[in-house]
Amino acid sequence: MIAMLLAGGQGSRLGVLTSEVAKPAVAFGGKYRIIDFPLSNCINSGIDTVGVLTQYQPLVLNSHIGIGIPWDLDRNNGGVSVLPPYEKSDNSEWYTGTANAIYQNLRYMENYDPEYILILSGDHIYKMDYEAMLDFHKQNDADVTIAAMPVPIEEASRFGVVVTDENKRITEFEEKPPEPKSNLASMGIYIFSWPILRQALISLKDQSNCDFGKHIIPYCDSEGMRIFAYEFNGYWKDVGTLGSYWEANMELIDLIPEFNLYEEFWKIYTQQDRIEPQYIAGTATVGRSIIGAGDEIRGEVTGSVLGSGVTVEEGAIVRDSIIMKDTYIGKGTYIEKSIVAENCKIGDNCKIGVGEYRESELNPKVYAFDLVTIGSDSVIPDGVEIGKNTAIHGVTEDSDYQNHKLESGGYIIKEGEEA
């Protein structure tokens, strides 16, 4: 079995966090990037051939994956291959849907002529043994197996929902139904017997925006193929919104975390770009937090997740926040319930995440949950106050703030930056 990992998504619901990086490349847990989880699942499951399909803002993702050394995927035969869209002799086109992306890499899969193909998404946090799912696929003589997990019935309409018989064979598949008949939600993880996937992709090659949930699975069903649901009951989180992303990070610092990053038998591997130790000064207070390699803490950090190379100066207070790598926080600055992306500089004596609730003026569906979201490479000048449900991206100056203040719900997106 070889794996095809879909990692080209923009992740627009993460706002300024994904304006310069693809969603699978967003930092997670202080040390990792989201794509580390499916990649680690592959090598822990004994899968040593993985095609990673990239498209949107692939630079950070490509350099992170490299030749696959951290995941033991640097191999002459197999290993990891990054597969961007490319120009063909007759045409040149972007990937227009999940299945279209796989179809455009048909030749890559044909080179290996596998028995089975595992289709994965690059933007979920979970640990899963794909070998157990393959065993289930074989035992049922399945053509297609869909990983599915129970969700609260009131949330089921957000997912593709499967209805099964007593043998777990799927009798109905509904994509985001308004009134779901089941609470068993598709996880976007599929195992196909290779001839079946090949037939479906070629048959639907002219389908615009060809997608697994909307097109490939219904096609397989209409052809009378044997489709089964493999029920998964472990931890699985779609970190597709700022709220779910912040919650998943905060769960890591619980006394007994629901998702354990410290298990010996199922390690999560990543590209390490820093090896220096942390420095906690005598003036510092640190409680219930993840502190990254090379961090220098002289202030107070509580209930927070810090990436590597973060500096928290004396008198600064960071609470219930995610601070990504190489970010500097100046003296006397107070930060609460914020997500600060990589390589930012926060000035002295700022107050961030304070004030009353107000709906976002930029995009209330994205910027919510009372969070402050600051995009990568941003600069916040000394002495400003920033309210809740706010977004900032770019090198800001004092003149960008009215009376040194950005009210709750406001935003500053500098020219040339994306929201």
Protein backbone atom coordinates (compact mmCIF):
# COMPACT_ATOMS: atom_id res chain seq x y z
CA MET A 1 0.00 0.00 0.00
CA ILE A 2 1.22 3.49 -0.83
CA ALA A 3 -0.17 6.74 0.62
CA MET A 4 -1.27 9.88 -1.21
CA LEU A 5 -1.35 12.82 1.19
CA LEU A 6 -3.43 15.85 0.15
CA ALA A 7 -1.58 18.90 1.49
CA GLY A 8 -2.46 21.70 -0.92
CA GLY A 9 -5.28 23.34 1.01
CA GLN A 10 -5.33 27.03 1.85
CA GLY A 11 -7.21 26.72 5.14
CA SER A 12 -8.99 30.05 4.70
CA ARG A 13 -10.85 29.68 8.02
CA LEU A 14 -7.50 30.11 9.79
CA GLY A 15 -7.32 33.69 8.51
CA VAL A 16 -3.92 35.39 8.57
CA LEU A 17 -2.24 32.22 9.90
CA THR A 18 -2.47 30.73 6.40
CA SER A 19 -1.89 33.84 4.30
CA GLU A 20 1.71 32.75 3.65
CA VAL A 21 1.70 29.01 4.46
CA ALA A 22 -0.52 26.08 3.51
CA LYS A 23 -2.72 24.82 6.34
CA PRO A 24 -0.74 21.54 6.76
CA ALA A 25 2.40 23.63 7.38
CA VAL A 26 0.88 25.63 10.27
CA ALA A 27 2.76 25.09 13.55
CA PHE A 28 1.13 22.93 16.22
CA GLY A 29 2.01 22.03 19.79
CA GLY A 30 5.09 24.26 19.96
CA LYS A 31 7.29 21.81 18.07
CA TYR A 32 5.35 20.29 15.19
CA ARG A 33 3.54 21.23 12.00
CA ILE A 34 0.11 19.76 11.29
CA ILE A 35 1.41 17.54 8.46
CA ASP A 36 3.75 15.74 10.92
CA PHE A 37 0.79 13.75 12.25
CA PRO A 38 -0.30 11.90 9.08
CA LEU A 39 3.35 11.49 8.01
CA SER A 40 4.24 9.96 11.40
CA ASN A 41 1.15 7.74 11.22
CA CYS A 42 2.42 6.44 7.86
CA ILE A 43 5.86 5.42 9.08
CA ASN A 44 4.48 4.03 12.36
CA SER A 45 2.02 1.96 10.28
CA GLY A 46 4.79 0.54 8.07
CA ILE A 47 4.00 2.65 4.97
CA ASP A 48 7.26 3.76 3.36
CA THR A 49 6.03 5.32 0.10
CA VAL A 50 4.16 8.63 0.42
CA GLY A 51 3.25 11.15 -2.27
CA VAL A 52 2.57 14.63 -0.80
CA LEU A 53 0.37 16.74 -3.10
CA THR A 54 1.07 20.45 -2.64
CA GLN A 55 -0.37 23.53 -4.30
CA TYR A 56 -1.15 26.61 -2.17
CA GLN A 57 1.91 28.45 -0.72
CA PRO A 58 4.12 25.32 -0.74
CA LEU A 59 7.50 26.88 0.20
CA VAL A 60 7.41 26.27 3.98
CA LEU A 61 5.86 22.84 3.51
CA ASN A 62 8.47 21.76 0.94
CA SER A 63 11.41 22.86 3.08
CA HIS A 64 9.87 21.20 6.15
CA ILE A 65 9.44 17.84 4.39
CA GLY A 66 12.80 18.03 2.57
CA ILE A 67 13.83 14.47 1.64
CA GLY A 68 11.86 12.98 4.52
CA ILE A 69 14.71 12.29 6.97
CA PRO A 70 12.76 12.85 10.26
CA TRP A 71 10.12 10.30 9.23
CA ASP A 72 12.65 7.76 7.88
CA LEU A 73 11.27 8.42 4.40
CA ASP A 74 14.59 9.26 2.71
CA ARG A 75 14.77 6.12 0.57
CA ASN A 76 16.03 5.22 -2.89
CA ASN A 77 12.94 3.10 -3.53
CA GLY A 78 9.76 4.78 -2.33
CA GLY A 79 10.17 7.32 0.45
CA VAL A 80 8.47 10.71 0.29
CA SER A 81 7.85 12.62 -2.95
CA VAL A 82 6.46 16.17 -3.12
CA LEU A 83 3.98 16.35 -6.02
CA PRO A 84 3.02 19.91 -7.09
CA PRO A 85 0.86 20.58 -10.17
CA TYR A 86 3.02 20.66 -13.29
CA GLU A 87 2.78 21.60 -16.94
CA LYS A 88 1.96 18.76 -19.33
CA SER A 89 2.57 18.72 -23.07
CA ASP A 90 -1.11 19.30 -23.90
CA ASN A 91 -2.22 21.53 -21.02
CA SER A 92 -1.35 23.03 -17.67
CA GLU A 93 -3.84 23.12 -14.81
CA TRP A 94 -4.05 23.47 -11.07
CA TYR A 95 -5.53 20.74 -8.92
CA THR A 96 -9.24 21.51 -8.92
CA GLY A 97 -10.52 18.97 -6.38
CA THR A 98 -9.24 16.24 -4.09
CA ALA A 99 -9.81 13.48 -6.64
CA ASN A 100 -8.58 15.60 -9.56
CA ALA A 101 -5.29 16.07 -7.69
CA ILE A 102 -4.94 12.29 -7.35
CA TYR A 103 -5.90 11.76 -11.01
CA GLN A 104 -3.17 14.17 -12.16
CA ASN A 105 -0.65 11.91 -10.39
CA LEU A 106 -1.86 8.67 -11.93
CA ARG A 107 1.55 8.00 -13.46
CA TYR A 108 3.24 8.33 -10.04
CA MET A 109 0.96 5.61 -8.65
CA GLU A 110 1.32 3.43 -11.76
CA ASN A 111 5.11 3.45 -11.28
CA TYR A 112 4.63 1.53 -8.01
CA ASP A 113 1.65 -0.59 -9.19
CA PRO A 114 0.47 -1.10 -5.59
CA GLU A 115 -2.32 -3.38 -4.43
CA TYR A 116 -3.88 -0.62 -2.32
CA ILE A 117 -3.89 3.17 -2.19
CA LEU A 118 -4.36 5.10 1.06
CA ILE A 119 -5.80 8.62 0.60
CA LEU A 120 -5.05 11.04 3.45
CA SER A 121 -5.72 14.65 4.33
CA GLY A 122 -2.81 16.73 5.58
CA ASP A 123 -4.72 18.89 8.04
CA HIS A 124 -5.98 16.75 10.93
CA ILE A 125 -4.48 15.99 14.35
CA TYR A 126 -4.70 12.29 15.27
CA LYS A 127 -2.84 9.00 15.70
CA MET A 128 -4.07 6.07 13.65
CA ASP A 129 -2.72 2.66 12.67
CA TYR A 130 -3.44 2.44 8.95
CA GLU A 131 -2.28 -1.21 8.97
CA ALA A 132 -5.30 -2.15 11.15
CA MET A 133 -7.56 -0.35 8.66
CA LEU A 134 -5.96 -2.27 5.78
CA ASP A 135 -6.52 -5.58 7.62
CA PHE A 136 -10.22 -4.62 7.95
CA HIS A 137 -10.31 -3.79 4.22
CA LYS A 138 -8.87 -7.22 3.33
CA GLN A 139 -11.06 -9.18 5.75
CA ASN A 140 -14.19 -7.72 4.16
CA ASP A 141 -12.93 -8.15 0.60
CA ALA A 142 -13.73 -4.44 0.25
CA ASP A 143 -13.22 -2.32 -2.85
CA VAL A 144 -13.29 0.89 -0.79
CA THR A 145 -12.95 1.43 2.96
CA ILE A 146 -13.78 4.79 4.54
CA ALA A 147 -12.51 5.65 8.03
CA ALA A 148 -15.42 7.01 10.03
CA MET A 149 -15.99 8.09 13.60
CA PRO A 150 -19.07 8.79 15.71
CA VAL A 151 -19.82 12.50 16.23
CA PRO A 152 -22.66 14.21 18.12
CA ILE A 153 -25.73 13.99 15.87
CA GLU A 154 -26.20 17.78 16.01
CA GLU A 155 -22.74 18.20 14.39
CA ALA A 156 -23.12 15.44 11.79
CA SER A 157 -24.40 17.81 9.07
CA ARG A 158 -20.88 19.33 8.86
CA PHE A 159 -19.45 16.03 7.57
CA GLY A 160 -19.97 13.36 4.97
CA VAL A 161 -22.18 10.86 6.81
CA VAL A 162 -22.30 7.08 6.24
CA VAL A 163 -25.12 4.66 7.02
CA THR A 164 -24.01 1.03 7.50
CA ASP A 165 -25.55 -2.39 7.97
CA GLU A 166 -24.62 -4.80 10.81
CA ASN A 167 -21.45 -5.85 8.91
CA LYS A 168 -20.26 -2.23 8.54
CA ARG A 169 -20.99 -2.27 4.82
CA ILE A 170 -22.06 1.22 3.74
CA THR A 171 -25.62 1.36 2.44
CA GLU A 172 -25.86 5.16 2.10
CA PHE A 173 -23.38 8.03 1.84
CA GLU A 174 -24.55 11.65 2.26
CA GLU A 175 -22.24 14.66 1.84
CA LYS A 176 -23.08 17.27 4.53
CA PRO A 177 -26.80 16.39 4.76
CA PRO A 178 -29.12 18.96 6.42
CA GLU A 179 -30.88 16.12 8.29
CA PRO A 180 -28.34 13.31 8.80
CA LYS A 181 -29.57 9.72 9.10
CA SER A 182 -26.48 8.66 11.06
CA ASN A 183 -23.83 10.12 13.34
CA LEU A 184 -20.99 8.18 11.68
CA ALA A 185 -18.87 10.85 9.97
CA SER A 186 -16.31 10.30 7.24
CA MET A 187 -12.79 11.33 8.31
CA GLY A 188 -11.60 11.88 4.74
CA ILE A 189 -9.33 8.81 5.01
CA TYR A 190 -9.87 6.16 2.33
CA ILE A 191 -8.32 2.85 1.30
CA PHE A 192 -9.00 1.82 -2.30
CA SER A 193 -8.04 -1.37 -4.02
CA TRP A 194 -5.82 0.07 -6.77
CA PRO A 195 -7.76 -1.17 -9.85
CA ILE A 196 -10.98 0.28 -8.40
CA LEU A 197 -9.47 3.73 -7.76
CA ARG A 198 -7.84 3.77 -11.18
CA GLN A 199 -11.15 2.92 -12.88
CA ALA A 200 -13.05 5.60 -10.92
CA LEU A 201 -10.46 8.34 -11.58
CA ILE A 202 -10.33 7.66 -15.32
CA SER A 203 -14.14 7.41 -15.60
CA LEU A 204 -14.56 10.79 -13.86
CA LYS A 205 -11.53 12.56 -15.36
CA ASP A 206 -13.73 15.17 -17.07
CA GLN A 207 -15.76 15.93 -13.93
CA SER A 208 -15.08 19.52 -12.86
CA ASN A 209 -13.75 19.96 -9.29
CA CYS A 210 -13.72 16.18 -8.91
CA ASP A 211 -13.91 15.29 -5.23
CA PHE A 212 -13.87 12.01 -3.28
CA GLY A 213 -16.92 12.68 -1.13
CA LYS A 214 -19.05 14.24 -3.87
CA HIS A 215 -18.04 12.18 -6.90
CA ILE A 216 -15.71 9.18 -6.43
CA ILE A 217 -17.59 7.49 -3.56
CA PRO A 218 -21.05 7.94 -5.22
CA TYR A 219 -19.56 6.57 -8.47
CA CYS A 220 -18.20 3.48 -6.69
CA ASP A 221 -21.58 2.99 -5.03
CA SER A 222 -23.43 3.28 -8.37
CA GLU A 223 -21.11 0.64 -9.84
CA GLY A 224 -22.09 -1.80 -7.07
CA MET A 225 -18.67 -1.87 -5.44
CA ARG A 226 -18.18 -3.13 -1.89
CA ILE A 227 -17.78 -0.06 0.34
CA PHE A 228 -17.18 -0.46 4.09
CA ALA A 229 -16.79 1.85 7.09
CA TYR A 230 -13.83 1.34 9.41
CA GLU A 231 -14.91 2.81 12.74
CA PHE A 232 -12.25 4.84 14.59
CA ASN A 233 -12.77 5.82 18.22
CA GLY A 234 -9.51 7.58 19.06
CA TYR A 235 -8.68 11.31 19.21
CA TRP A 236 -9.19 13.11 15.89
CA LYS A 237 -9.42 16.85 15.49
CA ASP A 238 -10.05 18.97 12.44
CA VAL A 239 -8.16 22.16 13.33
CA GLY A 240 -9.80 24.07 10.49
CA THR A 241 -11.01 27.07 12.51
CA LEU A 242 -9.10 29.42 14.81
CA GLY A 243 -11.28 28.20 17.70
CA SER A 244 -10.62 24.47 17.14
CA TYR A 245 -6.92 25.17 16.48
CA TRP A 246 -6.59 27.12 19.74
CA GLU A 247 -8.55 24.47 21.70
CA ALA A 248 -6.46 21.58 20.35
CA ASN A 249 -3.25 23.35 21.42
CA MET A 250 -4.68 24.15 24.86
CA GLU A 251 -5.68 20.48 25.35
CA LEU A 252 -2.01 19.52 25.11
CA ILE A 253 -1.25 21.26 28.40
CA ASP A 254 -4.02 19.61 30.45
CA LEU A 255 -2.80 17.65 33.48
CA ILE A 256 -3.79 14.44 31.67
CA PRO A 257 -3.92 15.47 28.00
CA GLU A 258 -6.58 13.79 25.89
CA PHE A 259 -4.04 13.67 23.06
CA ASN A 260 -0.72 12.36 24.35
CA LEU A 261 2.43 13.53 22.55
CA TYR A 262 4.69 11.61 24.94
CA GLU A 263 3.91 7.98 24.07
CA GLU A 264 6.98 5.86 23.33
CA PHE A 265 5.25 3.38 21.02
CA TRP A 266 3.66 5.91 18.63
CA LYS A 267 6.01 8.84 18.28
CA ILE A 268 5.29 11.96 16.28
CA TYR A 269 8.37 12.90 14.25
CA THR A 270 9.24 16.36 12.94
CA GLN A 271 11.97 18.41 11.32
CA GLN A 272 14.08 19.88 14.14
CA ASP A 273 15.60 23.24 13.29
CA ARG A 274 16.78 24.12 16.80
CA ILE A 275 18.73 22.18 19.36
CA GLU A 276 19.60 24.83 21.98
CA PRO A 277 18.06 24.37 25.43
CA GLN A 278 15.48 26.71 26.95
CA TYR A 279 16.59 29.42 29.36
CA ILE A 280 14.30 30.25 32.27
CA ALA A 281 15.59 33.31 34.14
CA GLY A 282 15.30 33.93 37.86
CA THR A 283 12.72 36.63 37.13
CA ALA A 284 10.51 34.14 35.22
CA THR A 285 7.34 32.29 36.24
CA VAL A 286 6.21 29.36 34.10
CA GLY A 287 3.12 27.27 34.75
CA ARG A 288 1.23 24.57 32.77
CA SER A 289 2.84 25.43 29.46
CA ILE A 290 4.86 23.97 26.61
CA ILE A 291 8.17 25.82 26.21
CA GLY A 292 10.09 25.29 22.97
CA ALA A 293 13.80 24.69 22.39
CA GLY A 294 15.92 27.83 22.50
CA ASP A 295 13.24 29.91 24.26
CA GLU A 296 14.35 32.68 26.63
CA ILE A 297 11.78 33.35 29.35
CA ARG A 298 12.29 36.29 31.69
CA GLY A 299 8.60 37.10 32.29
CA GLU A 300 5.48 35.07 33.12
CA VAL A 301 4.07 32.30 30.90
CA THR A 302 0.89 30.48 31.99
CA GLY A 303 -1.40 28.04 30.16
CA SER A 304 0.37 28.67 26.85
CA VAL A 305 2.14 26.85 23.99
CA LEU A 306 5.41 28.40 22.80
CA GLY A 307 7.36 27.39 19.71
CA SER A 308 11.16 27.38 19.51
CA GLY A 309 13.29 30.53 19.73
CA VAL A 310 10.61 32.63 21.47
CA THR A 311 11.75 35.47 23.77
CA VAL A 312 9.51 36.71 26.60
CA GLU A 313 11.16 39.73 28.21
CA GLU A 314 11.11 40.71 31.87
CA GLY A 315 7.73 41.93 33.13
CA ALA A 316 5.87 40.47 30.13
CA ILE A 317 2.87 38.21 30.83
CA VAL A 318 1.61 35.57 28.37
CA ARG A 319 -1.62 33.75 29.26
CA ASP A 320 -3.72 31.15 27.40
CA SER A 321 -1.94 31.89 24.12
CA ILE A 322 -0.11 30.23 21.24
CA ILE A 323 3.18 31.94 20.36
CA MET A 324 4.95 30.48 17.32
CA LYS A 325 8.69 30.21 16.77
CA ASP A 326 11.18 33.09 16.68
CA THR A 327 8.69 35.62 18.05
CA TYR A 328 9.89 38.39 20.41
CA ILE A 329 7.66 39.77 23.19
CA GLY A 330 8.86 43.03 24.73
CA LYS A 331 9.13 44.14 28.35
CA GLY A 332 5.94 44.74 30.31
CA THR A 333 3.64 43.48 27.54
CA TYR A 334 0.46 41.61 28.47
CA ILE A 335 -0.92 38.97 26.04
CA GLU A 336 -4.06 36.92 26.65
CA LYS A 337 -5.93 34.40 24.46
CA SER A 338 -3.94 35.22 21.35
CA ILE A 339 -2.40 33.32 18.43
CA VAL A 340 0.83 34.96 17.32
CA ALA A 341 2.41 33.44 14.18
CA GLU A 342 6.09 32.94 13.42
CA ASN A 343 8.80 35.61 13.45
CA CYS A 344 6.73 38.44 14.95
CA LYS A 345 8.00 41.32 17.06
CA ILE A 346 5.70 42.60 19.80
CA GLY A 347 6.87 45.88 21.37
CA ASP A 348 7.17 46.90 25.03
CA ASN A 349 4.20 47.69 27.31
CA CYS A 350 1.47 46.46 24.92
CA LYS A 351 -1.89 45.06 26.04
CA ILE A 352 -3.17 42.38 23.68
CA GLY A 353 -6.47 40.52 24.04
CA VAL A 354 -8.21 42.93 26.38
CA GLY A 355 -11.54 44.78 26.32
CA GLU A 356 -15.19 43.94 25.69
CA TYR A 357 -16.56 41.50 23.11
CA ARG A 358 -17.30 42.89 19.64
CA GLU A 359 -17.93 41.01 16.41
CA SER A 360 -15.15 41.10 13.81
CA GLU A 361 -15.49 43.77 11.13
CA LEU A 362 -13.21 41.77 8.81
CA ASN A 363 -14.86 38.32 8.83
CA PRO A 364 -17.00 37.27 11.81
CA LYS A 365 -17.02 33.63 10.62
CA VAL A 366 -13.21 33.46 10.84
CA TYR A 367 -12.20 35.92 13.54
CA ALA A 368 -14.25 34.89 16.54
CA PHE A 369 -13.81 32.96 19.81
CA ASP A 370 -12.48 36.16 21.52
CA LEU A 371 -9.07 35.51 19.96
CA VAL A 372 -6.41 37.94 18.74
CA THR A 373 -4.75 36.59 15.58
CA ILE A 374 -1.43 38.05 14.40
CA GLY A 375 0.05 36.85 11.09
CA SER A 376 3.68 35.89 10.49
CA ASP A 377 6.46 38.53 10.28
CA SER A 378 4.21 41.17 11.85
CA VAL A 379 5.45 44.01 14.02
CA ILE A 380 3.43 45.61 16.85
CA PRO A 381 4.82 48.95 18.10
CA ASP A 382 5.37 49.83 21.77
CA GLY A 383 2.48 50.77 24.02
CA VAL A 384 -0.55 49.80 21.92
CA GLU A 385 -3.74 48.13 23.12
CA ILE A 386 -5.44 45.45 21.00
CA GLY A 387 -8.97 44.14 21.69
CA LYS A 388 -10.61 40.76 21.12
CA ASN A 389 -11.70 39.20 17.79
CA THR A 390 -9.00 41.20 16.04
CA ALA A 391 -6.62 40.43 13.16
CA ILE A 392 -3.27 42.01 12.36
CA HIS A 393 -0.85 41.23 9.54
CA GLY A 394 2.16 43.28 8.52
CA VAL A 395 4.65 45.75 9.94
CA THR A 396 2.38 48.15 11.82
CA GLU A 397 3.29 51.56 13.20
CA ASP A 398 1.83 53.72 15.92
CA SER A 399 -0.02 55.77 13.27
CA ASP A 400 -2.02 52.64 12.29
CA TYR A 401 -3.71 52.68 15.70
CA GLN A 402 -6.29 55.26 16.77
CA ASN A 403 -5.08 56.70 20.08
CA HIS A 404 -2.65 53.76 20.38
CA LYS A 405 -5.60 51.36 20.29
CA LEU A 406 -7.24 48.74 18.03
CA GLU A 407 -10.76 48.20 19.35
CA SER A 408 -12.27 44.71 19.68
CA GLY A 409 -13.50 43.48 16.28
CA GLY A 410 -11.05 45.69 14.38
CA TYR A 411 -8.24 44.73 12.05
CA ILE A 412 -5.06 46.06 10.43
CA ILE A 413 -3.96 44.30 7.25
CA LYS A 414 -1.05 46.19 5.67
CA GLU A 415 -0.86 46.67 1.92
CA GLY A 416 0.59 43.62 0.21
CA GLU A 417 -0.46 41.30 3.02
CA GLU A 418 -3.44 38.95 2.96
CA ALA A 419 -6.35 38.60 5.37
